[in-house]
Amino acid sequence: MPILSGSVVSLFFAALLAWYFAKPIRGLRTAFESVADGKLQTRIGASMGNRNDELADLGSDFDRMASRLESLLESQRHLLHDVSHELRSPLARLQAAADLLRQQPDRAAEYIRHIERDTERMDKLVGELLTLARLDSGMSGSFDDMLDLRDLLPEIVDNARFEAECKHCAIELDIDGAGLVRGSHELLYRAIENVVRNAVLYSPEGGHILISARTMDDHLRLAVADNGAGVPERDLAAIFDPFNRSVSGRLSAGYGLGLAITRRVVEAHGGAVHAANRPEGGLVVEMKLNLNLDSELPEGRAI
């Protein structure tokens, strides 16, 4: 009898233990099937109860994965909606211009100018979308260029001054010990230029833009500050999202892709970018890039 009783108790506890481990595994399997069927809102953490083991950790990891997938899919839906919206207006104007051109051939030159302008806008939009897509997919070309920001920044500033002069804005460049950065010359040029042009665009008449570069330990801090109206605090976290436009109107021009490209480029180079309102007024966008400490500067250049 004692042996039989012990065997029954052992079988009972073995079955209980098997149920204890099998239940969350079955729940995880069901959750994976739900996600595979497109139900990305599926979560399993609550069903784990008060467990404190590897299976509970796996449930938490599953919830994070599902949340991330849901967020990415929602972002793609928003992006598709925004692209469709942005293309609808120029396409409608192109159709209207073509119809008017057929009806009034004597005004062909005027309508052709409208057609050219809208096709250029669409070409710019498609080009920026392709840049974002390449960055998101990791197909952004070579990152083996050695760049000295003391050569790159003056070139960007010189080009920006053409637009700044129309608004009588002054651009000040302050470089202190900028070193070498390894990456893509084309992408970094575009990323920095987007921020500088954004500062020029939203600076007031006679405004002042300060571009500063500082070396700090193993990274380069590059900041672009203007004295414009700034951005509402609630919008700061989202100004680097594609097609984002601040309700203040600051980001109402263009497609809202410039700063999105900047963030993707900087992050692709292992850096970070963020924006903040200045206490004295205006916006500052700061980019941090890793310095290439293993390479020497060209002869005659010192940090």
C-alpha atoms as a PDB file:
ATOM      1  CA  MET A   1       0.000   0.000   0.000  1.00  0.00           C
ATOM      2  CA  PRO A   2       2.695   2.608   0.829  1.00  0.00           C
ATOM      3  CA  ILE A   3       4.350   1.957  -2.520  1.00  0.00           C
ATOM      4  CA  LEU A   4       1.022   2.257  -4.341  1.00  0.00           C
ATOM      5  CA  SER A   5       0.111   5.439  -2.478  1.00  0.00           C
ATOM      6  CA  GLY A   6       3.520   6.941  -3.262  1.00  0.00           C
ATOM      7  CA  SER A   7       3.138   6.068  -6.915  1.00  0.00           C
ATOM      8  CA  VAL A   8      -0.304   7.694  -7.086  1.00  0.00           C
ATOM      9  CA  VAL A   9       0.963  10.845  -5.382  1.00  0.00           C
ATOM     10  CA  SER A  10       3.984  10.944  -7.707  1.00  0.00           C
ATOM     11  CA  LEU A  11       1.778  10.574 -10.765  1.00  0.00           C
ATOM     12  CA  PHE A  12      -0.517  13.309  -9.472  1.00  0.00           C
ATOM     13  CA  PHE A  13       2.328  15.775  -8.944  1.00  0.00           C
ATOM     14  CA  ALA A  14       3.896  14.799 -12.283  1.00  0.00           C
ATOM     15  CA  ALA A  15       0.599  15.506 -14.038  1.00  0.00           C
ATOM     16  CA  LEU A  16       0.228  18.777 -12.130  1.00  0.00           C
ATOM     17  CA  LEU A  17       3.774  19.801 -13.069  1.00  0.00           C
ATOM     18  CA  ALA A  18       3.195  18.878 -16.711  1.00  0.00           C
ATOM     19  CA  TRP A  19      -0.010  20.943 -16.739  1.00  0.00           C
ATOM     20  CA  TYR A  20       1.808  23.866 -15.076  1.00  0.00           C
ATOM     21  CA  PHE A  21       4.375  23.985 -17.873  1.00  0.00           C
ATOM     22  CA  ALA A  22       2.142  22.884 -20.755  1.00  0.00           C
ATOM     23  CA  LYS A  23      -0.572  25.519 -20.211  1.00  0.00           C
ATOM     24  CA  PRO A  24       1.585  28.602 -20.995  1.00  0.00           C
ATOM     25  CA  ILE A  25       3.223  26.761 -23.893  1.00  0.00           C
ATOM     26  CA  ARG A  26      -0.213  26.055 -25.375  1.00  0.00           C
ATOM     27  CA  GLY A  27      -1.105  29.706 -24.799  1.00  0.00           C
ATOM     28  CA  LEU A  28       2.033  30.838 -26.601  1.00  0.00           C
ATOM     29  CA  ARG A  29       1.316  28.504 -29.489  1.00  0.00           C
ATOM     30  CA  THR A  30      -2.213  29.899 -29.809  1.00  0.00           C
ATOM     31  CA  ALA A  31      -0.868  33.454 -29.617  1.00  0.00           C
ATOM     32  CA  PHE A  32       1.678  32.796 -32.365  1.00  0.00           C
ATOM     33  CA  GLU A  33      -1.077  31.358 -34.564  1.00  0.00           C
ATOM     34  CA  SER A  34      -3.195  34.476 -33.944  1.00  0.00           C
ATOM     35  CA  VAL A  35      -0.332  36.790 -34.923  1.00  0.00           C
ATOM     36  CA  ALA A  36       0.342  34.666 -37.992  1.00  0.00           C
ATOM     37  CA  ASP A  37      -3.315  35.195 -38.944  1.00  0.00           C
ATOM     38  CA  GLY A  38      -2.861  38.961 -38.714  1.00  0.00           C
ATOM     39  CA  LYS A  39      -4.256  39.551 -35.208  1.00  0.00           C
ATOM     40  CA  LEU A  40      -1.356  41.708 -34.064  1.00  0.00           C
ATOM     41  CA  GLN A  41      -3.259  43.004 -31.040  1.00  0.00           C
ATOM     42  CA  THR A  42      -2.830  39.569 -29.393  1.00  0.00           C
ATOM     43  CA  ARG A  43      -1.092  39.680 -25.993  1.00  0.00           C
ATOM     44  CA  ILE A  44      -0.298  36.837 -23.608  1.00  0.00           C
ATOM     45  CA  GLY A  45       1.427  38.456 -20.628  1.00  0.00           C
ATOM     46  CA  ALA A  46      -1.744  38.752 -18.529  1.00  0.00           C
ATOM     47  CA  SER A  47      -2.513  35.035 -18.937  1.00  0.00           C
ATOM     48  CA  MET A  48       0.830  34.148 -17.350  1.00  0.00           C
ATOM     49  CA  GLY A  49      -0.517  35.205 -13.961  1.00  0.00           C
ATOM     50  CA  ASN A  50       2.097  35.574 -11.244  1.00  0.00           C
ATOM     51  CA  ARG A  51       4.621  33.251 -12.837  1.00  0.00           C
ATOM     52  CA  ASN A  52       8.240  34.265 -12.397  1.00  0.00           C
ATOM     53  CA  ASP A  53      10.138  31.904 -14.656  1.00  0.00           C
ATOM     54  CA  GLU A  54      11.534  31.636 -18.180  1.00  0.00           C
ATOM     55  CA  LEU A  55       8.096  31.006 -19.660  1.00  0.00           C
ATOM     56  CA  ALA A  56       6.823  34.270 -18.168  1.00  0.00           C
ATOM     57  CA  ASP A  57       9.835  36.051 -19.652  1.00  0.00           C
ATOM     58  CA  LEU A  58       9.046  34.438 -22.997  1.00  0.00           C
ATOM     59  CA  GLY A  59       5.470  35.730 -22.719  1.00  0.00           C
ATOM     60  CA  SER A  60       6.758  39.262 -22.065  1.00  0.00           C
ATOM     61  CA  ASP A  61       9.089  38.983 -25.054  1.00  0.00           C
ATOM     62  CA  PHE A  62       6.167  37.853 -27.190  1.00  0.00           C
ATOM     63  CA  ASP A  63       4.089  40.865 -26.120  1.00  0.00           C
ATOM     64  CA  ARG A  64       6.944  43.243 -26.980  1.00  0.00           C
ATOM     65  CA  MET A  65       7.354  41.572 -30.362  1.00  0.00           C
ATOM     66  CA  ALA A  66       3.628  41.799 -31.103  1.00  0.00           C
ATOM     67  CA  SER A  67       3.526  45.463 -30.010  1.00  0.00           C
ATOM     68  CA  ARG A  68       6.463  46.279 -32.246  1.00  0.00           C
ATOM     69  CA  LEU A  69       4.929  44.471 -35.220  1.00  0.00           C
ATOM     70  CA  GLU A  70       1.623  46.249 -34.661  1.00  0.00           C
ATOM     71  CA  SER A  71       3.391  49.602 -34.449  1.00  0.00           C
ATOM     72  CA  LEU A  72       5.397  48.954 -37.623  1.00  0.00           C
ATOM     73  CA  LEU A  73       2.330  47.850 -39.557  1.00  0.00           C
ATOM     74  CA  GLU A  74       0.399  50.901 -38.368  1.00  0.00           C
ATOM     75  CA  SER A  75       3.295  53.120 -39.450  1.00  0.00           C
ATOM     76  CA  GLN A  76       3.271  51.511 -42.882  1.00  0.00           C
ATOM     77  CA  ARG A  77      -0.472  52.089 -43.163  1.00  0.00           C
ATOM     78  CA  HIS A  78      -0.051  55.743 -42.230  1.00  0.00           C
ATOM     79  CA  LEU A  79       2.805  56.065 -44.695  1.00  0.00           C
ATOM     80  CA  LEU A  80       0.738  54.554 -47.513  1.00  0.00           C
ATOM     81  CA  HIS A  81      -2.146  56.872 -46.662  1.00  0.00           C
ATOM     82  CA  ASP A  82       0.124  59.930 -46.582  1.00  0.00           C
ATOM     83  CA  VAL A  83       1.850  59.031 -49.857  1.00  0.00           C
ATOM     84  CA  SER A  84      -1.520  58.549 -51.529  1.00  0.00           C
ATOM     85  CA  HIS A  85      -2.699  61.891 -50.183  1.00  0.00           C
ATOM     86  CA  GLU A  86       0.446  63.702 -51.319  1.00  0.00           C
ATOM     87  CA  LEU A  87       0.265  62.224 -54.827  1.00  0.00           C
ATOM     88  CA  ARG A  88      -3.452  62.871 -55.282  1.00  0.00           C
ATOM     89  CA  SER A  89      -3.187  66.671 -55.533  1.00  0.00           C
ATOM     90  CA  PRO A  90      -0.408  66.907 -58.163  1.00  0.00           C
ATOM     91  CA  LEU A  91      -1.986  64.096 -60.172  1.00  0.00           C
ATOM     92  CA  ALA A  92      -5.310  65.964 -60.165  1.00  0.00           C
ATOM     93  CA  ARG A  93      -3.567  69.162 -61.262  1.00  0.00           C
ATOM     94  CA  LEU A  94      -1.747  67.293 -64.025  1.00  0.00           C
ATOM     95  CA  GLN A  95      -5.043  65.884 -65.288  1.00  0.00           C
ATOM     96  CA  ALA A  96      -6.642  69.324 -65.178  1.00  0.00           C
ATOM     97  CA  ALA A  97      -3.697  70.921 -66.995  1.00  0.00           C
ATOM     98  CA  ALA A  98      -3.814  68.235 -69.691  1.00  0.00           C
ATOM     99  CA  ASP A  99      -7.552  68.793 -70.198  1.00  0.00           C
ATOM    100  CA  LEU A 100      -7.116  72.569 -70.383  1.00  0.00           C
ATOM    101  CA  LEU A 101      -4.207  72.147 -72.782  1.00  0.00           C
ATOM    102  CA  ARG A 102      -6.466  70.252 -75.178  1.00  0.00           C
ATOM    103  CA  GLN A 103      -9.208  72.848 -74.846  1.00  0.00           C
ATOM    104  CA  GLN A 104      -6.968  75.925 -75.046  1.00  0.00           C
ATOM    105  CA  PRO A 105      -3.853  75.084 -77.101  1.00  0.00           C
ATOM    106  CA  ASP A 106      -3.057  78.809 -77.379  1.00  0.00           C
ATOM    107  CA  ARG A 107      -2.102  78.757 -73.668  1.00  0.00           C
ATOM    108  CA  ALA A 108       0.133  75.722 -74.040  1.00  0.00           C
ATOM    109  CA  ALA A 109       3.233  77.395 -72.559  1.00  0.00           C
ATOM    110  CA  GLU A 110       1.381  78.277 -69.335  1.00  0.00           C
ATOM    111  CA  TYR A 111      -0.066  74.808 -68.859  1.00  0.00           C
ATOM    112  CA  ILE A 112       3.244  73.132 -69.660  1.00  0.00           C
ATOM    113  CA  ARG A 113       4.873  75.140 -66.867  1.00  0.00           C
ATOM    114  CA  HIS A 114       2.213  73.857 -64.466  1.00  0.00           C
ATOM    115  CA  ILE A 115       2.793  70.300 -65.649  1.00  0.00           C
ATOM    116  CA  GLU A 116       6.562  70.626 -65.248  1.00  0.00           C
ATOM    117  CA  ARG A 117       6.215  72.044 -61.734  1.00  0.00           C
ATOM    118  CA  ASP A 118       3.958  69.233 -60.561  1.00  0.00           C
ATOM    119  CA  THR A 119       6.074  66.518 -62.157  1.00  0.00           C
ATOM    120  CA  GLU A 120       9.120  67.963 -60.386  1.00  0.00           C
ATOM    121  CA  ARG A 121       7.241  67.855 -57.068  1.00  0.00           C
ATOM    122  CA  MET A 122       6.259  64.240 -57.663  1.00  0.00           C
ATOM    123  CA  ASP A 123       9.804  63.342 -58.668  1.00  0.00           C
ATOM    124  CA  LYS A 124      11.134  64.911 -55.462  1.00  0.00           C
ATOM    125  CA  LEU A 125       8.595  63.032 -53.359  1.00  0.00           C
ATOM    126  CA  VAL A 126       9.415  59.688 -54.994  1.00  0.00           C
ATOM    127  CA  GLY A 127      13.135  60.351 -54.602  1.00  0.00           C
ATOM    128  CA  GLU A 128      12.774  61.067 -50.881  1.00  0.00           C
ATOM    129  CA  LEU A 129      10.597  57.999 -50.395  1.00  0.00           C
ATOM    130  CA  LEU A 130      13.188  55.839 -52.137  1.00  0.00           C
ATOM    131  CA  THR A 131      15.886  57.268 -49.872  1.00  0.00           C
ATOM    132  CA  LEU A 132      13.818  56.393 -46.798  1.00  0.00           C
ATOM    133  CA  ALA A 133      13.130  52.905 -48.150  1.00  0.00           C
ATOM    134  CA  ARG A 134      16.839  52.270 -48.820  1.00  0.00           C
ATOM    135  CA  LEU A 135      17.773  53.436 -45.333  1.00  0.00           C
ATOM    136  CA  ASP A 136      15.073  51.315 -43.683  1.00  0.00           C
ATOM    137  CA  SER A 137      16.130  48.234 -45.646  1.00  0.00           C
ATOM    138  CA  GLY A 138      19.842  48.760 -44.999  1.00  0.00           C
ATOM    139  CA  MET A 139      20.564  49.257 -48.728  1.00  0.00           C
ATOM    140  CA  SER A 140      22.111  52.704 -48.333  1.00  0.00           C
ATOM    141  CA  GLY A 141      25.415  52.196 -50.115  1.00  0.00           C
ATOM    142  CA  SER A 142      28.962  52.419 -48.850  1.00  0.00           C
ATOM    143  CA  PHE A 143      29.793  53.876 -45.439  1.00  0.00           C
ATOM    144  CA  ASP A 144      33.557  53.863 -46.013  1.00  0.00           C
ATOM    145  CA  ASP A 145      34.108  57.548 -46.809  1.00  0.00           C
ATOM    146  CA  MET A 146      36.352  59.443 -44.387  1.00  0.00           C
ATOM    147  CA  LEU A 147      34.762  62.842 -43.793  1.00  0.00           C
ATOM    148  CA  ASP A 148      36.221  65.882 -42.086  1.00  0.00           C
ATOM    149  CA  LEU A 149      33.266  68.031 -41.039  1.00  0.00           C
ATOM    150  CA  ARG A 150      35.444  71.131 -41.367  1.00  0.00           C
ATOM    151  CA  ASP A 151      35.382  70.534 -45.104  1.00  0.00           C
ATOM    152  CA  LEU A 152      31.755  69.411 -45.357  1.00  0.00           C
ATOM    153  CA  LEU A 153      30.022  72.053 -43.208  1.00  0.00           C
ATOM    154  CA  PRO A 154      31.339  75.168 -45.017  1.00  0.00           C
ATOM    155  CA  GLU A 155      30.108  73.722 -48.320  1.00  0.00           C
ATOM    156  CA  ILE A 156      26.621  73.144 -46.876  1.00  0.00           C
ATOM    157  CA  VAL A 157      26.568  76.636 -45.361  1.00  0.00           C
ATOM    158  CA  ASP A 158      27.632  78.279 -48.624  1.00  0.00           C
ATOM    159  CA  ASN A 159      24.760  76.608 -50.456  1.00  0.00           C
ATOM    160  CA  ALA A 160      22.259  77.512 -47.726  1.00  0.00           C
ATOM    161  CA  ARG A 161      23.284  81.172 -47.787  1.00  0.00           C
ATOM    162  CA  PHE A 162      21.646  81.600 -51.195  1.00  0.00           C
ATOM    163  CA  GLU A 163      18.256  80.899 -49.603  1.00  0.00           C
ATOM    164  CA  ALA A 164      19.116  82.755 -46.396  1.00  0.00           C
ATOM    165  CA  GLU A 165      20.008  85.961 -48.248  1.00  0.00           C
ATOM    166  CA  CYS A 166      16.471  86.190 -49.639  1.00  0.00           C
ATOM    167  CA  LYS A 167      15.231  86.539 -46.039  1.00  0.00           C
ATOM    168  CA  HIS A 168      18.246  88.568 -44.892  1.00  0.00           C
ATOM    169  CA  CYS A 169      19.134  85.766 -42.490  1.00  0.00           C
ATOM    170  CA  ALA A 170      22.659  85.358 -41.151  1.00  0.00           C
ATOM    171  CA  ILE A 171      24.267  81.918 -40.859  1.00  0.00           C
ATOM    172  CA  GLU A 172      27.106  81.568 -38.368  1.00  0.00           C
ATOM    173  CA  LEU A 173      29.412  78.558 -38.440  1.00  0.00           C
ATOM    174  CA  ASP A 174      31.349  77.687 -35.297  1.00  0.00           C
ATOM    175  CA  ILE A 175      33.619  74.629 -35.552  1.00  0.00           C
ATOM    176  CA  ASP A 176      35.824  73.672 -32.642  1.00  0.00           C
ATOM    177  CA  GLY A 177      37.890  70.528 -32.990  1.00  0.00           C
ATOM    178  CA  ALA A 178      35.718  68.610 -35.446  1.00  0.00           C
ATOM    179  CA  GLY A 179      37.396  65.311 -36.310  1.00  0.00           C
ATOM    180  CA  LEU A 180      36.955  62.557 -38.840  1.00  0.00           C
ATOM    181  CA  VAL A 181      33.719  60.647 -39.295  1.00  0.00           C
ATOM    182  CA  ARG A 182      33.415  57.427 -41.265  1.00  0.00           C
ATOM    183  CA  GLY A 183      30.284  57.077 -43.351  1.00  0.00           C
ATOM    184  CA  SER A 184      28.540  58.027 -46.560  1.00  0.00           C
ATOM    185  CA  HIS A 185      29.455  61.473 -47.860  1.00  0.00           C
ATOM    186  CA  GLU A 186      26.245  61.758 -49.882  1.00  0.00           C
ATOM    187  CA  LEU A 187      23.914  60.728 -47.044  1.00  0.00           C
ATOM    188  CA  LEU A 188      25.584  62.784 -44.318  1.00  0.00           C
ATOM    189  CA  TYR A 189      25.660  65.830 -46.572  1.00  0.00           C
ATOM    190  CA  ARG A 190      21.945  65.434 -47.222  1.00  0.00           C
ATOM    191  CA  ALA A 191      21.113  64.811 -43.556  1.00  0.00           C
ATOM    192  CA  ILE A 192      22.888  67.951 -42.351  1.00  0.00           C
ATOM    193  CA  GLU A 193      21.659  70.035 -45.279  1.00  0.00           C
ATOM    194  CA  ASN A 194      18.041  69.069 -44.491  1.00  0.00           C
ATOM    195  CA  VAL A 195      18.380  70.433 -40.966  1.00  0.00           C
ATOM    196  CA  VAL A 196      20.115  73.633 -42.105  1.00  0.00           C
ATOM    197  CA  ARG A 197      17.561  74.323 -44.838  1.00  0.00           C
ATOM    198  CA  ASN A 198      14.756  73.646 -42.372  1.00  0.00           C
ATOM    199  CA  ALA A 199      16.270  76.248 -40.031  1.00  0.00           C
ATOM    200  CA  VAL A 200      16.517  78.780 -42.878  1.00  0.00           C
ATOM    201  CA  LEU A 201      12.979  78.085 -44.040  1.00  0.00           C
ATOM    202  CA  TYR A 202      11.409  78.738 -40.650  1.00  0.00           C
ATOM    203  CA  SER A 203      13.632  81.554 -39.445  1.00  0.00           C
ATOM    204  CA  PRO A 204      12.026  84.993 -39.308  1.00  0.00           C
ATOM    205  CA  GLU A 205      13.038  87.823 -41.614  1.00  0.00           C
ATOM    206  CA  GLY A 206      16.511  88.927 -40.546  1.00  0.00           C
ATOM    207  CA  GLY A 207      16.918  85.838 -38.374  1.00  0.00           C
ATOM    208  CA  HIS A 208      20.105  84.228 -37.138  1.00  0.00           C
ATOM    209  CA  ILE A 209      21.134  80.573 -37.543  1.00  0.00           C
ATOM    210  CA  LEU A 210      24.021  79.094 -35.573  1.00  0.00           C
ATOM    211  CA  ILE A 211      25.702  75.880 -36.705  1.00  0.00           C
ATOM    212  CA  SER A 212      28.178  74.549 -34.156  1.00  0.00           C
ATOM    213  CA  ALA A 213      30.374  71.456 -34.105  1.00  0.00           C
ATOM    214  CA  ARG A 214      32.184  70.185 -31.008  1.00  0.00           C
ATOM    215  CA  THR A 215      34.190  67.057 -30.279  1.00  0.00           C
ATOM    216  CA  MET A 216      33.193  65.414 -27.022  1.00  0.00           C
ATOM    217  CA  ASP A 217      35.162  62.318 -26.028  1.00  0.00           C
ATOM    218  CA  ASP A 218      34.555  59.804 -28.833  1.00  0.00           C
ATOM    219  CA  HIS A 219      31.752  61.606 -30.665  1.00  0.00           C
ATOM    220  CA  LEU A 220      30.981  64.775 -32.545  1.00  0.00           C
ATOM    221  CA  ARG A 221      28.136  67.029 -31.447  1.00  0.00           C
ATOM    222  CA  LEU A 222      26.652  69.002 -34.321  1.00  0.00           C
ATOM    223  CA  ALA A 223      23.887  71.488 -33.486  1.00  0.00           C
ATOM    224  CA  VAL A 224      21.784  73.705 -35.758  1.00  0.00           C
ATOM    225  CA  ALA A 225      19.915  76.434 -33.880  1.00  0.00           C
ATOM    226  CA  ASP A 226      17.539  79.100 -35.173  1.00  0.00           C
ATOM    227  CA  ASN A 227      15.543  81.904 -33.543  1.00  0.00           C
ATOM    228  CA  GLY A 228      12.205  81.140 -35.134  1.00  0.00           C
ATOM    229  CA  ALA A 229       8.902  80.242 -33.494  1.00  0.00           C
ATOM    230  CA  GLY A 230      10.041  76.808 -32.328  1.00  0.00           C
ATOM    231  CA  VAL A 231       7.769  73.769 -32.184  1.00  0.00           C
ATOM    232  CA  PRO A 232       5.017  72.983 -29.646  1.00  0.00           C
ATOM    233  CA  GLU A 233       6.381  70.659 -26.964  1.00  0.00           C
ATOM    234  CA  ARG A 234       3.774  68.005 -27.806  1.00  0.00           C
ATOM    235  CA  ASP A 235       5.093  67.845 -31.375  1.00  0.00           C
ATOM    236  CA  LEU A 236       8.831  67.652 -30.663  1.00  0.00           C
ATOM    237  CA  ALA A 237       8.979  63.868 -30.391  1.00  0.00           C
ATOM    238  CA  ALA A 238       7.260  63.414 -33.758  1.00  0.00           C
ATOM    239  CA  ILE A 239       8.994  65.955 -36.003  1.00  0.00           C
ATOM    240  CA  PHE A 240      11.354  63.266 -37.297  1.00  0.00           C
ATOM    241  CA  ASP A 241       8.459  61.045 -38.432  1.00  0.00           C
ATOM    242  CA  PRO A 242       7.654  60.908 -42.172  1.00  0.00           C
ATOM    243  CA  PHE A 243       4.991  63.375 -43.329  1.00  0.00           C
ATOM    244  CA  ASN A 244       4.803  64.961 -39.899  1.00  0.00           C
ATOM    245  CA  ARG A 245       3.624  68.547 -39.871  1.00  0.00           C
ATOM    246  CA  SER A 246       3.465  70.569 -36.708  1.00  0.00           C
ATOM    247  CA  VAL A 247       0.095  72.144 -35.990  1.00  0.00           C
ATOM    248  CA  SER A 248       1.944  75.422 -35.509  1.00  0.00           C
ATOM    249  CA  GLY A 249       2.598  75.448 -39.246  1.00  0.00           C
ATOM    250  CA  ARG A 250       6.361  75.300 -38.822  1.00  0.00           C
ATOM    251  CA  LEU A 251       6.575  72.051 -40.764  1.00  0.00           C
ATOM    252  CA  SER A 252       3.741  72.760 -43.166  1.00  0.00           C
ATOM    253  CA  ALA A 253       5.975  73.289 -46.204  1.00  0.00           C
ATOM    254  CA  GLY A 254       7.286  70.423 -48.306  1.00  0.00           C
ATOM    255  CA  TYR A 255       6.435  66.815 -47.534  1.00  0.00           C
ATOM    256  CA  GLY A 256       7.785  66.501 -44.012  1.00  0.00           C
ATOM    257  CA  LEU A 257      10.397  63.960 -45.151  1.00  0.00           C
ATOM    258  CA  GLY A 258      13.595  65.972 -44.699  1.00  0.00           C
ATOM    259  CA  LEU A 259      13.983  65.477 -40.954  1.00  0.00           C
ATOM    260  CA  ALA A 260      12.806  61.864 -41.262  1.00  0.00           C
ATOM    261  CA  ILE A 261      15.674  61.224 -43.681  1.00  0.00           C
ATOM    262  CA  THR A 262      18.055  63.003 -41.302  1.00  0.00           C
ATOM    263  CA  ARG A 263      17.134  60.710 -38.433  1.00  0.00           C
ATOM    264  CA  ARG A 264      17.466  57.567 -40.562  1.00  0.00           C
ATOM    265  CA  VAL A 265      20.884  58.672 -41.862  1.00  0.00           C
ATOM    266  CA  VAL A 266      22.267  59.592 -38.451  1.00  0.00           C
ATOM    267  CA  GLU A 267      21.014  56.358 -36.895  1.00  0.00           C
ATOM    268  CA  ALA A 268      22.435  54.360 -39.814  1.00  0.00           C
ATOM    269  CA  HIS A 269      25.815  55.873 -38.876  1.00  0.00           C
ATOM    270  CA  GLY A 270      25.431  54.761 -35.262  1.00  0.00           C
ATOM    271  CA  GLY A 271      24.494  58.233 -34.024  1.00  0.00           C
ATOM    272  CA  ALA A 272      21.437  59.934 -32.579  1.00  0.00           C
ATOM    273  CA  VAL A 273      19.421  63.071 -33.274  1.00  0.00           C
ATOM    274  CA  HIS A 274      16.926  65.038 -31.227  1.00  0.00           C
ATOM    275  CA  ALA A 275      15.259  68.447 -31.217  1.00  0.00           C
ATOM    276  CA  ALA A 276      14.456  70.902 -28.434  1.00  0.00           C
ATOM    277  CA  ASN A 277      13.081  74.393 -28.072  1.00  0.00           C
ATOM    278  CA  ARG A 278      15.638  77.000 -27.040  1.00  0.00           C
ATOM    279  CA  PRO A 279      14.959  78.987 -23.851  1.00  0.00           C
ATOM    280  CA  GLU A 280      15.571  82.214 -25.758  1.00  0.00           C
ATOM    281  CA  GLY A 281      13.249  81.121 -28.577  1.00  0.00           C
ATOM    282  CA  GLY A 282      13.683  78.989 -31.650  1.00  0.00           C
ATOM    283  CA  LEU A 283      14.545  75.351 -32.273  1.00  0.00           C
ATOM    284  CA  VAL A 284      17.818  73.480 -31.965  1.00  0.00           C
ATOM    285  CA  VAL A 285      18.410  70.147 -33.688  1.00  0.00           C
ATOM    286  CA  GLU A 286      21.374  68.227 -32.320  1.00  0.00           C
ATOM    287  CA  MET A 287      23.120  65.362 -34.088  1.00  0.00           C
ATOM    288  CA  LYS A 288      25.693  63.107 -32.446  1.00  0.00           C
ATOM    289  CA  LEU A 289      28.068  61.159 -34.669  1.00  0.00           C
ATOM    290  CA  ASN A 290      30.804  58.768 -33.665  1.00  0.00           C
ATOM    291  CA  LEU A 291      34.334  59.945 -34.370  1.00  0.00           C
ATOM    292  CA  ASN A 292      36.725  57.677 -36.204  1.00  0.00           C
ATOM    293  CA  LEU A 293      39.568  57.760 -33.696  1.00  0.00           C
ATOM    294  CA  ASP A 294      41.665  55.172 -35.563  1.00  0.00           C
ATOM    295  CA  SER A 295      42.347  57.430 -38.550  1.00  0.00           C
ATOM    296  CA  GLU A 296      44.673  60.381 -38.769  1.00  0.00           C
ATOM    297  CA  LEU A 297      43.705  63.745 -40.123  1.00  0.00           C
ATOM    298  CA  PRO A 298      45.289  64.855 -43.397  1.00  0.00           C
ATOM    299  CA  GLU A 299      48.700  66.420 -43.030  1.00  0.00           C
ATOM    300  CA  GLY A 300      48.503  69.958 -41.724  1.00  0.00           C
ATOM    301  CA  ARG A 301      45.113  69.439 -40.038  1.00  0.00           C
ATOM    302  CA  ALA A 302      44.914  69.061 -36.283  1.00  0.00           C
ATOM    303  CA  ILE A 303      42.005  68.578 -33.937  1.00  0.00           C
END
